Amino acid sequence: MSELSTEQLRLLGSAVDAAEHGIAILTSVNEDKGPRIAFVNDGFCRLYGTKREAALGQTLVALGIVERHQAIFDDMLEHIFEQEFFDGEATARRNDGSEFELDVHLVPIQENGNLTHWVAYLRDITETKNQLLMLRRQATYDALTDLPNRMLLFERLEKAIDNARTQKTLAALLLMDLDRFKEINDTFGHHFGDMLLKQIADRLRTLLHPNETLSRLGGDEFGLFLTRASDSNDVAAVARRILDSLQQPFAIDGHLLEVSASIGIAIYPTHGTDARALLRRADAAMYAAKEANVGYAFHNQEHESRTPDQLALTVEMRRAMERDEFELYYQPKLHLTSGLMTRAEVLIRWNHPNRGLLPPGAFIPVAERTGLIKPMTDWIIDRMLQQCREWHNAGAPVHVAVNISAKSLQDQTLPVKIQAALDKWKMDPRFVKVEITESSIMADPAHALAITSMLQSMGVRLSLDDFGTGYSSLSNLRQLPVDELKIDNSFVMGMSGSEADTSIVRTMIDLAHSLGKQVCAEGVENEETYRRLQEMNCDLAQGYWISKPKPAAEFLEWLVETFWGLRQVKESLRARG
């Protein structure tokens, strides 16, 4: 062997020995217990708290995989006997008895087609797994009450239904909504409301059996599913017990508060055979109980047959997406300093074959209640970015803004879906703005912060819509990664006849600017309002005085012809030239 080869081997040996993670070289001997350890590096010794001499000659038992993970150990041996690469994770035990999470890779080394030895790469992934567990908990538990959230309830409900299907038993879902909770928040403030929700959660926990799941679905809505009830009478008894427990006053900050609630109940298999159906029908029963003021109600067909028009609309809505009956309209947003129109808000319309052109208020609430809002939002985002790409290719660099509903904001996959659409249409995320309302944020502030932070990290801009109509605190405003606040049109439209509204708008503009955010005023219906907003240093404006929402083709035509649009850009360039 040449001197160079010897030096290379020496360097290789030094590198292996200095490696941070554990490395072991195993023999190729295929005894019943598998190969034995022929070499370990210092990383292996640190990992297990052992000396090199103690490890040499040992079987794979020296990897310390605990008895409860015997199946993983057996799988590893099977791969070795088959001379196949193995990659796995298991809990392992060090020499001092402490446990850690082990990531192990076993690689067969062959020469001239014959197995000569194995190389084992070993890594302590305890911290990584703990971080993943922490992230998983943050994603599946409500930060305020430490109860499972909607996503975890759905997962557990699906498993409970599978078990009930196998065992021929029933599973019951109860959805509970507090009565007049908004009045409590309005009167005492959100901090008071939060303390009340925590006390309610604590009280309800005491009513549960070990295998039952109580969750907070958002806002003042809770969910509970039962797997031990033998019939509907047992379920009704639980509902009554919950309502009775709430009759005992809650003591908060020196106040005694009485709370009532409405509960909707859906039972597998009577009212549905999957989790989505039970959630939908328990929700309908809950609203029926609230309207009738009866405390609790089981789902029945009357809850759906009471609104045949809405049911028909739901069926027609599903077909409308397939038949491409929805159409996006675009309302210009004018930059008040430059006088240029480079932005537009996307609004959906339904070209219904029988009912004519329907505004969003006629079908969006039904879409939210039935879950159709999610596929509809996906369609809007995709079609909006397709149109935006076409405009950019035509030389019109328009920014687009889309309003995301509270239901869609709860969707964990929303950022992924938006990124996929951006990639599909090759759009720069800086040309996209997502508008969210104050009410959708306040339903679950921690979740809203997580989703909006992900969108911001992608480069998507964010706007807080209907600013001034909700109850978001300065603390929430400071934390939320929004670039823009949109002043609700009720204030803007009132400026013409109310100095109070004018003062409110001015204060909102100053507040937004002090927080480093742009301001858009919606509802500009006349030139006087437009001029006053300019004087207040408002950044953007939209409203019928500037332009009504238009279909894509008419919008581009307007953009080309209006002095606020591309015409001004062209004239400015011509003047400079």
Protein backbone atom coordinates (compact mmCIF):
# COMPACT_ATOMS: atom_id res chain seq x y z
CA MET A 1 0.00 0.00 0.00
CA SER A 2 1.38 3.42 -0.94
CA GLU A 3 2.20 6.13 1.63
CA LEU A 4 -0.65 8.25 0.22
CA SER A 5 -3.18 5.46 0.77
CA THR A 6 -1.94 4.99 4.32
CA GLU A 7 -2.30 8.71 4.97
CA GLN A 8 -5.83 8.67 3.52
CA LEU A 9 -6.77 5.80 5.81
CA ARG A 10 -5.33 7.63 8.80
CA LEU A 11 -7.33 10.76 7.94
CA LEU A 12 -10.48 8.72 7.43
CA GLY A 13 -10.03 7.03 10.78
CA SER A 14 -9.53 10.40 12.49
CA ALA A 15 -12.65 11.82 10.84
CA VAL A 16 -14.78 8.84 11.90
CA ASP A 17 -13.47 8.99 15.45
CA ALA A 18 -14.10 12.75 15.68
CA ALA A 19 -17.63 12.53 14.26
CA GLU A 20 -20.28 13.99 16.55
CA HIS A 21 -22.72 11.11 16.10
CA GLY A 22 -22.16 7.47 16.95
CA ILE A 23 -20.61 5.17 14.35
CA ALA A 24 -20.14 1.44 14.76
CA ILE A 25 -18.65 -1.08 12.34
CA LEU A 26 -20.17 -4.54 12.62
CA THR A 27 -18.95 -7.91 11.42
CA SER A 28 -20.62 -9.76 8.61
CA VAL A 29 -21.09 -12.89 10.73
CA ASN A 30 -24.73 -13.91 10.57
CA GLU A 31 -25.24 -15.66 13.88
CA ASP A 32 -28.73 -16.09 15.29
CA LYS A 33 -28.17 -12.89 17.24
CA GLY A 34 -26.82 -11.01 14.26
CA PRO A 35 -23.43 -9.37 13.68
CA ARG A 36 -21.09 -8.19 16.41
CA ILE A 37 -19.43 -4.84 17.00
CA ALA A 38 -15.87 -4.62 15.65
CA PHE A 39 -15.32 -0.87 16.09
CA VAL A 40 -17.02 2.12 17.71
CA ASN A 41 -16.02 5.79 17.58
CA ASP A 42 -15.92 8.28 20.44
CA GLY A 43 -19.38 9.51 19.44
CA PHE A 44 -20.78 6.04 20.18
CA CYS A 45 -19.10 6.00 23.58
CA ARG A 46 -20.51 9.44 24.43
CA LEU A 47 -23.97 8.46 23.22
CA TYR A 48 -24.18 5.38 25.46
CA GLY A 49 -21.88 6.47 28.29
CA THR A 50 -19.65 3.44 27.77
CA LYS A 51 -16.03 2.60 27.01
CA ARG A 52 -14.87 1.30 23.67
CA GLU A 53 -13.57 -1.98 25.12
CA ALA A 54 -16.94 -2.74 26.69
CA ALA A 55 -18.74 -2.34 23.35
CA LEU A 56 -16.39 -4.43 21.18
CA GLY A 57 -17.64 -7.93 20.49
CA GLN A 58 -21.18 -7.13 21.60
CA THR A 59 -24.25 -7.97 19.51
CA LEU A 60 -26.82 -5.39 18.46
CA VAL A 61 -28.28 -5.66 21.96
CA ALA A 62 -25.56 -3.10 22.78
CA LEU A 63 -27.64 -0.51 20.90
CA GLY A 64 -29.87 -0.50 23.99
CA ILE A 65 -33.24 -0.62 22.24
CA VAL A 66 -35.83 -0.97 25.03
CA GLU A 67 -38.06 -4.01 25.46
CA ARG A 68 -41.26 -2.17 24.52
CA HIS A 69 -39.72 -1.55 21.08
CA GLN A 70 -38.80 -5.20 20.57
CA ALA A 71 -40.75 -5.22 17.29
CA ILE A 72 -38.42 -2.52 15.90
CA PHE A 73 -35.37 -4.51 17.04
CA ASP A 74 -36.74 -7.67 15.38
CA ASP A 75 -37.40 -5.71 12.17
CA MET A 76 -33.80 -4.47 12.22
CA LEU A 77 -32.50 -8.05 12.56
CA GLU A 78 -34.72 -9.16 9.69
CA HIS A 79 -33.21 -6.48 7.44
CA ILE A 80 -29.72 -7.62 8.45
CA PHE A 81 -30.41 -11.27 7.67
CA GLU A 82 -31.81 -10.14 4.29
CA GLN A 83 -28.70 -7.94 3.84
CA GLU A 84 -30.91 -4.90 3.33
CA PHE A 85 -30.42 -1.28 4.39
CA PHE A 86 -32.28 -0.41 7.61
CA ASP A 87 -33.52 2.99 8.76
CA GLY A 88 -35.55 3.35 11.94
CA GLU A 89 -36.26 5.13 15.20
CA ALA A 90 -36.65 3.62 18.66
CA THR A 91 -36.26 4.44 22.33
CA ALA A 92 -32.86 3.28 23.63
CA ARG A 93 -31.27 3.01 27.06
CA ARG A 94 -27.80 4.25 28.06
CA ASN A 95 -25.48 2.47 30.48
CA ASP A 96 -26.74 4.62 33.35
CA GLY A 97 -30.32 3.53 32.68
CA SER A 98 -31.52 6.84 31.18
CA GLU A 99 -33.55 6.66 27.97
CA PHE A 100 -33.23 8.63 24.75
CA GLU A 101 -34.70 8.60 21.26
CA LEU A 102 -32.38 6.84 18.82
CA ASP A 103 -32.19 7.27 15.06
CA VAL A 104 -30.33 4.29 13.55
CA HIS A 105 -29.15 3.65 10.00
CA LEU A 106 -27.56 0.30 9.12
CA VAL A 107 -25.71 0.13 5.79
CA PRO A 108 -24.40 -3.16 4.31
CA ILE A 109 -20.91 -2.87 2.80
CA GLN A 110 -20.05 -5.26 -0.01
CA GLU A 111 -16.93 -6.04 -1.95
CA ASN A 112 -17.04 -8.06 -5.16
CA GLY A 113 -20.66 -8.89 -4.43
CA ASN A 114 -19.96 -10.29 -0.99
CA LEU A 115 -21.00 -8.70 2.33
CA THR A 116 -17.89 -7.72 4.27
CA HIS A 117 -19.33 -5.70 7.17
CA TRP A 118 -22.02 -3.28 8.31
CA VAL A 119 -21.79 0.38 9.24
CA ALA A 120 -24.21 1.70 11.84
CA TYR A 121 -24.89 5.45 12.10
CA LEU A 122 -26.49 6.38 15.43
CA ARG A 123 -27.95 9.72 16.45
CA ASP A 124 -29.71 11.07 19.55
CA ILE A 125 -32.90 12.72 18.26
CA THR A 126 -34.57 13.26 21.63
CA GLU A 127 -34.54 17.04 21.34
CA THR A 128 -35.84 16.95 17.77
CA LYS A 129 -38.69 14.61 18.70
CA ASN A 130 -39.54 16.71 21.73
CA GLN A 131 -39.73 19.78 19.50
CA LEU A 132 -41.99 17.92 17.08
CA LEU A 133 -44.19 16.80 19.96
CA MET A 134 -44.35 20.39 21.20
CA LEU A 135 -45.28 21.66 17.72
CA ARG A 136 -47.87 18.91 17.41
CA ARG A 137 -49.37 19.94 20.74
CA GLN A 138 -49.44 23.61 19.71
CA ALA A 139 -51.22 22.62 16.50
CA THR A 140 -53.80 20.39 18.19
CA TYR A 141 -54.51 22.10 21.53
CA ASP A 142 -56.21 25.37 22.36
CA ALA A 143 -53.72 27.75 23.97
CA LEU A 144 -56.26 29.40 26.28
CA THR A 145 -57.98 26.37 27.83
CA ASP A 146 -55.39 23.64 27.06
CA LEU A 147 -58.22 21.58 25.57
CA PRO A 148 -57.95 19.70 22.28
CA ASN A 149 -58.88 21.97 19.37
CA ARG A 150 -61.14 21.32 16.38
CA MET A 151 -58.47 19.40 14.45
CA LEU A 152 -57.75 16.96 17.29
CA LEU A 153 -61.46 16.51 18.03
CA PHE A 154 -62.00 15.59 14.39
CA GLU A 155 -59.13 13.06 14.47
CA ARG A 156 -60.38 11.41 17.66
CA LEU A 157 -63.98 11.47 16.48
CA GLU A 158 -62.99 9.61 13.31
CA LYS A 159 -61.24 6.93 15.42
CA ALA A 160 -64.22 6.70 17.79
CA ILE A 161 -66.56 6.16 14.81
CA ASP A 162 -64.26 3.44 13.43
CA ASN A 163 -64.30 1.69 16.82
CA ALA A 164 -68.08 2.05 17.09
CA ARG A 165 -68.45 0.61 13.59
CA THR A 166 -66.31 -2.40 14.53
CA GLN A 167 -67.95 -2.98 17.93
CA LYS A 168 -71.50 -2.23 16.73
CA THR A 169 -71.93 0.53 19.33
CA LEU A 170 -72.87 4.20 19.11
CA ALA A 171 -70.80 7.37 19.36
CA ALA A 172 -72.38 10.73 20.18
CA LEU A 173 -71.11 14.22 19.37
CA LEU A 174 -72.27 17.22 21.41
CA LEU A 175 -71.53 20.78 20.24
CA MET A 176 -72.10 23.53 22.80
CA ASP A 177 -72.28 27.27 22.17
CA LEU A 178 -72.52 29.79 25.03
CA ASP A 179 -75.55 32.09 24.91
CA ARG A 180 -74.89 35.85 24.66
CA PHE A 181 -71.12 35.45 25.12
CA LYS A 182 -70.51 38.44 22.85
CA GLU A 183 -72.43 40.61 25.32
CA ILE A 184 -70.08 39.48 28.09
CA ASN A 185 -67.04 40.39 26.00
CA ASP A 186 -68.54 43.74 25.03
CA THR A 187 -69.43 44.58 28.63
CA PHE A 188 -66.40 43.35 30.56
CA GLY A 189 -63.71 43.00 27.88
CA HIS A 190 -61.94 40.06 26.25
CA HIS A 191 -59.70 39.38 29.25
CA PHE A 192 -62.82 38.75 31.33
CA GLY A 193 -64.25 36.54 28.58
CA ASP A 194 -61.03 34.53 28.41
CA MET A 195 -61.09 33.88 32.16
CA LEU A 196 -64.71 32.74 31.88
CA LEU A 197 -63.83 30.30 29.07
CA LYS A 198 -61.02 28.83 31.17
CA GLN A 199 -63.33 28.33 34.15
CA ILE A 200 -65.98 26.72 31.95
CA ALA A 201 -63.36 24.35 30.51
CA ASP A 202 -62.19 23.39 34.01
CA ARG A 203 -65.74 22.74 35.17
CA LEU A 204 -66.65 20.63 32.13
CA ARG A 205 -63.50 18.51 32.55
CA THR A 206 -64.84 17.20 35.86
CA LEU A 207 -67.86 15.71 34.05
CA LEU A 208 -65.83 13.55 31.68
CA HIS A 209 -65.01 9.86 31.70
CA PRO A 210 -61.36 9.03 30.82
CA ASN A 211 -62.04 8.01 27.21
CA GLU A 212 -64.18 11.05 26.33
CA THR A 213 -62.78 14.13 24.58
CA LEU A 214 -63.75 17.70 25.43
CA SER A 215 -62.48 20.34 23.05
CA ARG A 216 -62.69 24.04 22.35
CA LEU A 217 -63.57 24.57 18.71
CA GLY A 218 -62.93 28.33 18.77
CA GLY A 219 -64.60 31.38 20.24
CA ASP A 220 -67.27 30.27 22.71
CA GLU A 221 -67.93 26.88 21.10
CA PHE A 222 -67.02 23.56 22.74
CA GLY A 223 -67.26 19.99 21.50
CA LEU A 224 -67.59 16.68 23.34
CA PHE A 225 -67.99 13.15 22.06
CA LEU A 226 -69.19 10.15 24.07
CA THR A 227 -68.36 6.50 23.49
CA ARG A 228 -69.87 4.91 26.64
CA ALA A 229 -73.53 5.88 26.10
CA SER A 230 -75.85 2.96 25.39
CA ASP A 231 -78.70 4.99 23.91
CA SER A 232 -79.99 8.54 23.32
CA ASN A 233 -81.29 8.75 26.89
CA ASP A 234 -77.73 8.41 28.20
CA VAL A 235 -76.60 11.16 25.82
CA ALA A 236 -79.44 13.45 26.88
CA ALA A 237 -78.50 12.88 30.52
CA VAL A 238 -74.95 14.09 29.79
CA ALA A 239 -76.32 17.19 28.03
CA ARG A 240 -78.53 17.99 31.01
CA ARG A 241 -75.59 17.46 33.38
CA ILE A 242 -73.50 19.93 31.39
CA LEU A 243 -76.25 22.55 31.37
CA ASP A 244 -76.88 22.03 35.09
CA SER A 245 -73.19 22.50 35.86
CA LEU A 246 -73.23 25.89 34.12
CA GLN A 247 -76.07 27.14 36.34
CA GLN A 248 -73.65 27.50 39.26
CA PRO A 249 -72.37 31.13 38.95
CA PHE A 250 -68.79 31.81 37.89
CA ALA A 251 -66.73 34.17 40.10
CA ILE A 252 -64.47 36.41 38.00
CA ASP A 253 -62.75 39.59 39.21
CA GLY A 254 -65.29 40.10 41.97
CA HIS A 255 -68.27 39.50 39.66
CA LEU A 256 -70.69 36.57 39.88
CA LEU A 257 -71.76 35.59 36.40
CA GLU A 258 -74.48 33.17 35.34
CA VAL A 259 -74.01 31.46 32.00
CA SER A 260 -76.35 29.47 29.80
CA ALA A 261 -75.61 27.45 26.70
CA SER A 262 -77.18 25.58 23.78
CA ILE A 263 -76.16 22.03 22.87
CA GLY A 264 -76.67 20.21 19.58
CA ILE A 265 -76.39 16.41 19.46
CA ALA A 266 -75.70 14.01 16.59
CA ILE A 267 -75.31 10.25 17.05
CA TYR A 268 -73.47 7.64 14.98
CA PRO A 269 -74.92 5.84 13.08
CA THR A 270 -78.40 7.40 13.37
CA HIS A 271 -77.49 10.90 12.19
CA GLY A 272 -74.37 10.22 10.14
CA THR A 273 -71.68 7.66 9.46
CA ASP A 274 -68.60 9.90 9.32
CA ALA A 275 -67.10 12.71 11.37
CA ARG A 276 -67.97 15.50 8.92
CA ALA A 277 -71.63 14.50 8.82
CA LEU A 278 -71.87 14.37 12.62
CA LEU A 279 -70.19 17.78 12.97
CA ARG A 280 -72.51 19.32 10.41
CA ARG A 281 -75.65 17.85 11.95
CA ALA A 282 -74.68 18.56 15.55
CA ASP A 283 -74.06 22.14 14.45
CA ALA A 284 -77.52 22.38 12.88
CA ALA A 285 -79.08 20.91 16.05
CA MET A 286 -77.18 23.39 18.21
CA TYR A 287 -78.58 26.36 16.31
CA ALA A 288 -82.04 24.82 16.51
CA ALA A 289 -81.66 24.50 20.30
CA LYS A 290 -80.50 28.11 20.52
CA GLU A 291 -83.39 29.43 18.43
CA ALA A 292 -85.96 27.44 20.41
CA ASN A 293 -84.23 28.23 23.73
CA VAL A 294 -84.58 24.59 24.85
CA GLY A 295 -81.05 23.97 26.14
CA TYR A 296 -80.25 20.95 23.96
CA ALA A 297 -81.61 19.27 20.85
CA PHE A 298 -80.93 16.11 18.86
CA HIS A 299 -80.51 16.45 15.14
CA ASN A 300 -83.59 15.64 13.11
CA GLN A 301 -84.55 16.08 9.49
CA GLU A 302 -86.70 19.09 10.32
CA HIS A 303 -83.55 21.13 11.03
CA GLU A 304 -82.63 20.74 7.39
CA SER A 305 -86.09 20.68 5.84
CA ARG A 306 -86.92 23.98 7.55
CA THR A 307 -84.72 25.73 4.98
CA PRO A 308 -85.28 23.95 1.64
CA ASP A 309 -84.01 26.99 -0.23
CA GLN A 310 -80.66 26.76 1.55
CA LEU A 311 -80.49 23.02 0.95
CA ALA A 312 -81.23 23.54 -2.74
CA LEU A 313 -78.61 26.28 -2.83
CA THR A 314 -76.06 23.90 -1.30
CA VAL A 315 -76.68 21.26 -3.96
CA GLU A 316 -76.62 23.88 -6.72
CA MET A 317 -73.40 25.34 -5.31
CA ARG A 318 -71.60 22.00 -5.65
CA ARG A 319 -72.71 21.79 -9.28
CA ALA A 320 -71.85 25.43 -9.89
CA MET A 321 -68.18 24.77 -9.14
CA GLU A 322 -68.18 21.91 -11.65
CA ARG A 323 -70.04 24.00 -14.26
CA ASP A 324 -67.82 27.07 -13.80
CA GLU A 325 -70.78 29.29 -12.88
CA PHE A 326 -68.76 31.36 -10.40
CA GLU A 327 -66.98 34.45 -11.66
CA LEU A 328 -64.45 36.75 -10.06
CA TYR A 329 -65.01 40.51 -10.07
CA TYR A 330 -62.29 43.05 -9.31
CA GLN A 331 -62.73 46.36 -7.50
CA PRO A 332 -59.89 48.88 -7.93
CA LYS A 333 -57.95 50.21 -4.94
CA LEU A 334 -56.55 53.66 -5.63
CA HIS A 335 -53.27 54.93 -4.18
CA LEU A 336 -54.17 58.39 -2.87
CA THR A 337 -50.65 59.88 -2.96
CA SER A 338 -49.67 58.95 -6.51
CA GLY A 339 -53.21 58.73 -7.90
CA LEU A 340 -52.34 55.38 -9.49
CA MET A 341 -54.48 52.27 -9.54
CA THR A 342 -52.22 49.24 -9.18
CA ARG A 343 -54.32 47.09 -6.84
CA ALA A 344 -57.69 45.37 -6.81
CA GLU A 345 -59.81 43.40 -4.38
CA VAL A 346 -61.18 40.10 -5.65
CA LEU A 347 -64.92 39.52 -5.13
CA ILE A 348 -66.89 36.43 -6.14
CA ARG A 349 -70.23 36.42 -7.97
CA TRP A 350 -72.46 33.51 -8.96
CA ASN A 351 -73.96 33.50 -12.43
CA HIS A 352 -76.89 31.33 -11.37
CA PRO A 353 -78.79 29.90 -14.35
CA ASN A 354 -82.19 30.58 -12.72
CA ARG A 355 -81.64 33.18 -9.99
CA GLY A 356 -79.42 35.52 -12.00
CA LEU A 357 -76.23 37.18 -10.74
CA LEU A 358 -75.95 36.50 -7.01
CA PRO A 359 -73.75 38.62 -4.68
CA PRO A 360 -71.56 36.81 -2.11
CA GLY A 361 -73.96 37.57 0.75
CA ALA A 362 -76.53 35.28 -0.89
CA PHE A 363 -74.37 32.14 -0.80
CA ILE A 364 -71.16 32.60 1.24
CA PRO A 365 -72.90 32.06 4.64
CA VAL A 366 -74.36 28.78 3.32
CA ALA A 367 -70.92 27.78 2.00
CA GLU A 368 -69.39 28.44 5.42
CA ARG A 369 -72.04 26.40 7.25
CA THR A 370 -71.75 23.42 4.89
CA GLY A 371 -67.97 23.34 4.51
CA LEU A 372 -68.09 24.28 0.83
CA ILE A 373 -66.17 27.46 1.67
CA LYS A 374 -62.87 25.54 1.60
CA PRO A 375 -63.06 24.23 -1.99
CA MET A 376 -64.55 27.59 -3.00
CA THR A 377 -61.59 29.42 -1.44
CA ASP A 378 -59.19 27.07 -3.25
CA TRP A 379 -60.96 27.85 -6.53
CA ILE A 380 -60.87 31.61 -5.89
CA ILE A 381 -57.14 31.60 -5.11
CA ASP A 382 -56.30 29.52 -8.18
CA ARG A 383 -58.49 31.55 -10.58
CA MET A 384 -57.31 34.88 -9.10
CA LEU A 385 -53.63 34.01 -9.59
CA GLN A 386 -54.30 32.71 -13.09
CA GLN A 387 -55.92 36.04 -13.98
CA CYS A 388 -53.13 37.97 -12.28
CA ARG A 389 -50.53 36.08 -14.32
CA GLU A 390 -52.43 36.89 -17.54
CA TRP A 391 -52.50 40.59 -16.63
CA HIS A 392 -48.80 40.62 -15.79
CA ASN A 393 -48.02 38.94 -19.12
CA ALA A 394 -50.10 41.66 -20.81
CA GLY A 395 -48.05 44.40 -19.12
CA ALA A 396 -50.49 45.24 -16.30
CA PRO A 397 -48.66 44.56 -12.98
CA VAL A 398 -51.79 44.47 -10.80
CA HIS A 399 -51.66 43.51 -7.10
CA VAL A 400 -54.64 41.41 -5.98
CA ALA A 401 -56.26 41.08 -2.56
CA VAL A 402 -58.58 38.25 -1.51
CA ASN A 403 -60.76 38.03 1.59
CA ILE A 404 -60.34 34.81 3.56
CA SER A 405 -63.25 33.66 5.74
CA ALA A 406 -62.95 32.65 9.39
CA LYS A 407 -63.49 29.00 8.43
CA SER A 408 -60.68 29.12 5.86
CA LEU A 409 -58.37 30.84 8.34
CA GLN A 410 -58.80 27.80 10.61
CA ASP A 411 -57.56 25.55 7.80
CA GLN A 412 -54.03 24.38 8.72
CA THR A 413 -53.22 23.77 5.04
CA LEU A 414 -54.12 27.29 3.85
CA PRO A 415 -50.48 28.49 3.52
CA VAL A 416 -49.55 25.31 1.64
CA LYS A 417 -52.46 25.77 -0.77
CA ILE A 418 -51.55 29.41 -1.46
CA GLN A 419 -47.90 28.49 -2.03
CA ALA A 420 -48.92 25.73 -4.45
CA ALA A 421 -51.05 28.19 -6.44
CA LEU A 422 -48.23 30.76 -6.48
CA ASP A 423 -45.86 28.11 -7.82
CA LYS A 424 -48.40 26.89 -10.37
CA TRP A 425 -48.90 30.35 -11.90
CA LYS A 426 -45.32 31.54 -11.25
CA MET A 427 -46.50 34.58 -9.29
CA ASP A 428 -44.39 36.71 -6.98
CA PRO A 429 -46.10 36.50 -3.53
CA ARG A 430 -45.59 40.25 -3.05
CA PHE A 431 -48.38 40.83 -5.57
CA VAL A 432 -50.86 38.92 -3.38
CA LYS A 433 -52.61 40.24 -0.29
CA VAL A 434 -54.80 38.15 2.03
CA GLU A 435 -57.53 40.07 3.83
CA ILE A 436 -58.80 38.75 7.17
CA THR A 437 -61.45 40.19 9.47
CA GLU A 438 -61.08 41.12 13.12
CA SER A 439 -63.79 38.63 14.09
CA SER A 440 -61.99 35.73 12.41
CA ILE A 441 -58.83 36.57 14.35
CA MET A 442 -60.56 36.92 17.70
CA ALA A 443 -62.17 33.48 17.31
CA ASP A 444 -58.71 31.95 17.92
CA PRO A 445 -55.94 34.59 18.15
CA ALA A 446 -53.08 32.11 18.66
CA HIS A 447 -54.07 30.06 15.61
CA ALA A 448 -54.60 33.20 13.52
CA LEU A 449 -51.12 34.42 14.50
CA ALA A 450 -49.58 31.09 13.48
CA ILE A 451 -51.30 31.03 10.05
CA THR A 452 -50.66 34.71 9.29
CA SER A 453 -47.02 34.38 10.35
CA MET A 454 -46.59 31.49 7.91
CA LEU A 455 -48.17 33.55 5.12
CA GLN A 456 -45.91 36.49 5.91
CA SER A 457 -42.82 34.25 5.85
CA MET A 458 -43.88 33.19 2.34
CA GLY A 459 -43.86 36.85 1.25
CA VAL A 460 -47.65 37.21 1.06
CA ARG A 461 -48.99 40.58 2.24
CA LEU A 462 -51.76 40.73 4.86
CA SER A 463 -54.60 43.15 5.51
CA LEU A 464 -56.97 43.46 8.49
CA ASP A 465 -60.41 43.98 6.97
CA ASP A 466 -63.37 45.86 8.54
CA PHE A 467 -61.03 47.53 11.03
CA GLY A 468 -62.96 49.28 13.79
CA THR A 469 -65.93 46.89 13.88
CA GLY A 470 -64.30 44.13 15.94
CA TYR A 471 -62.63 43.97 19.30
CA SER A 472 -58.95 43.35 18.57
CA SER A 473 -56.65 44.89 21.15
CA LEU A 474 -53.59 47.01 20.46
CA SER A 475 -51.59 44.03 21.69
CA ASN A 476 -53.08 41.81 18.97
CA LEU A 477 -52.58 44.51 16.34
CA ARG A 478 -48.94 44.84 17.30
CA GLN A 479 -48.37 41.08 17.14
CA LEU A 480 -50.27 40.32 13.94
CA PRO A 481 -48.01 40.52 10.88
CA VAL A 482 -50.45 42.63 8.86
CA ASP A 483 -49.22 45.28 6.40
CA GLU A 484 -52.52 47.11 6.01
CA LEU A 485 -55.63 48.08 7.98
CA LYS A 486 -58.89 48.53 6.05
CA ILE A 487 -61.29 50.99 7.66
CA ASP A 488 -64.83 49.66 7.54
CA ASN A 489 -67.10 51.42 5.05
CA SER A 490 -69.64 52.26 7.77
CA PHE A 491 -67.21 54.86 9.15
CA VAL A 492 -66.02 56.10 5.75
CA MET A 493 -69.51 56.52 4.34
CA GLY A 494 -70.55 58.36 7.50
CA MET A 495 -67.85 61.03 7.08
CA SER A 496 -70.10 63.18 4.88
CA GLY A 497 -72.66 63.78 7.63
CA SER A 498 -70.85 63.03 10.88
CA GLU A 499 -67.88 64.76 12.44
CA ALA A 500 -67.72 61.88 14.91
CA ASP A 501 -67.13 59.40 12.08
CA THR A 502 -64.58 61.76 10.55
CA SER A 503 -62.70 61.90 13.86
CA ILE A 504 -62.83 58.12 14.16
CA VAL A 505 -61.39 57.68 10.66
CA ARG A 506 -58.64 60.23 11.34
CA THR A 507 -57.74 58.46 14.60
CA MET A 508 -57.63 55.07 12.86
CA ILE A 509 -55.33 56.41 10.16
CA ASP A 510 -52.98 57.94 12.73
CA LEU A 511 -53.04 54.74 14.80
CA ALA A 512 -52.25 52.56 11.79
CA HIS A 513 -49.38 54.80 10.71
CA SER A 514 -47.97 54.79 14.26
CA LEU A 515 -47.94 50.98 14.05
CA GLY A 516 -46.13 51.15 10.70
CA LYS A 517 -49.08 49.94 8.64
CA GLN A 518 -50.79 51.27 5.52
CA VAL A 519 -54.45 52.27 5.58
CA CYS A 520 -57.14 51.54 3.01
CA ALA A 521 -60.54 53.24 3.31
CA GLU A 522 -63.42 51.30 1.75
CA GLY A 523 -66.79 52.77 0.94
CA VAL A 524 -65.68 55.97 -0.88
CA GLU A 525 -68.93 57.08 -2.46
CA ASN A 526 -68.21 60.70 -3.40
CA GLU A 527 -65.42 63.14 -4.25
CA GLU A 528 -65.73 64.99 -0.93
CA THR A 529 -64.86 61.84 1.03
CA TYR A 530 -62.03 61.10 -1.37
CA ARG A 531 -60.51 64.59 -0.85
CA ARG A 532 -60.84 64.43 2.93
CA LEU A 533 -59.08 61.07 3.00
CA GLN A 534 -56.26 62.60 0.96
CA GLU A 535 -55.96 65.39 3.52
CA MET A 536 -55.78 62.80 6.32
CA ASN A 537 -52.85 61.07 4.53
CA CYS A 538 -54.83 57.88 3.98
CA ASP A 539 -52.82 55.56 1.72
CA LEU A 540 -55.46 53.73 -0.34
CA ALA A 541 -59.16 54.02 -1.12
CA GLN A 542 -61.83 51.96 -2.82
CA GLY A 543 -65.53 52.47 -3.41
CA TYR A 544 -68.20 53.02 -6.03
CA TRP A 545 -67.09 56.63 -6.68
CA ILE A 546 -63.78 55.23 -7.94
CA SER A 547 -65.24 52.14 -9.59
CA LYS A 548 -67.74 49.37 -9.03
CA PRO A 549 -66.42 45.77 -9.04
CA LYS A 550 -65.95 44.58 -12.63
CA PRO A 551 -65.40 41.27 -14.41
CA ALA A 552 -61.79 40.67 -15.47
CA ALA A 553 -62.18 41.84 -19.08
CA GLU A 554 -64.04 45.04 -18.12
CA PHE A 555 -61.54 45.69 -15.32
CA LEU A 556 -58.60 45.56 -17.72
CA GLU A 557 -60.45 47.83 -20.18
CA TRP A 558 -61.14 50.29 -17.35
CA LEU A 559 -57.53 50.06 -16.25
CA VAL A 560 -56.28 50.89 -19.73
CA GLU A 561 -58.68 53.81 -20.28
CA THR A 562 -58.91 55.51 -16.88
CA PHE A 563 -56.50 58.28 -15.97
CA TRP A 564 -55.91 56.49 -12.65
CA GLY A 565 -54.65 53.38 -14.42
CA LEU A 566 -52.21 52.50 -17.18
CA ARG A 567 -52.98 55.69 -19.15
CA GLN A 568 -51.37 57.83 -16.46
CA VAL A 569 -48.36 55.52 -16.33
CA LYS A 570 -47.92 55.77 -20.10
CA GLU A 571 -48.32 59.56 -20.08
CA SER A 572 -45.81 59.90 -17.24
CA LEU A 573 -43.29 57.78 -19.13
CA ARG A 574 -43.93 59.78 -22.32
CA ALA A 575 -43.38 63.07 -20.42
CA ARG A 576 -40.10 61.78 -18.98
CA GLY A 577 -38.96 60.63 -22.40
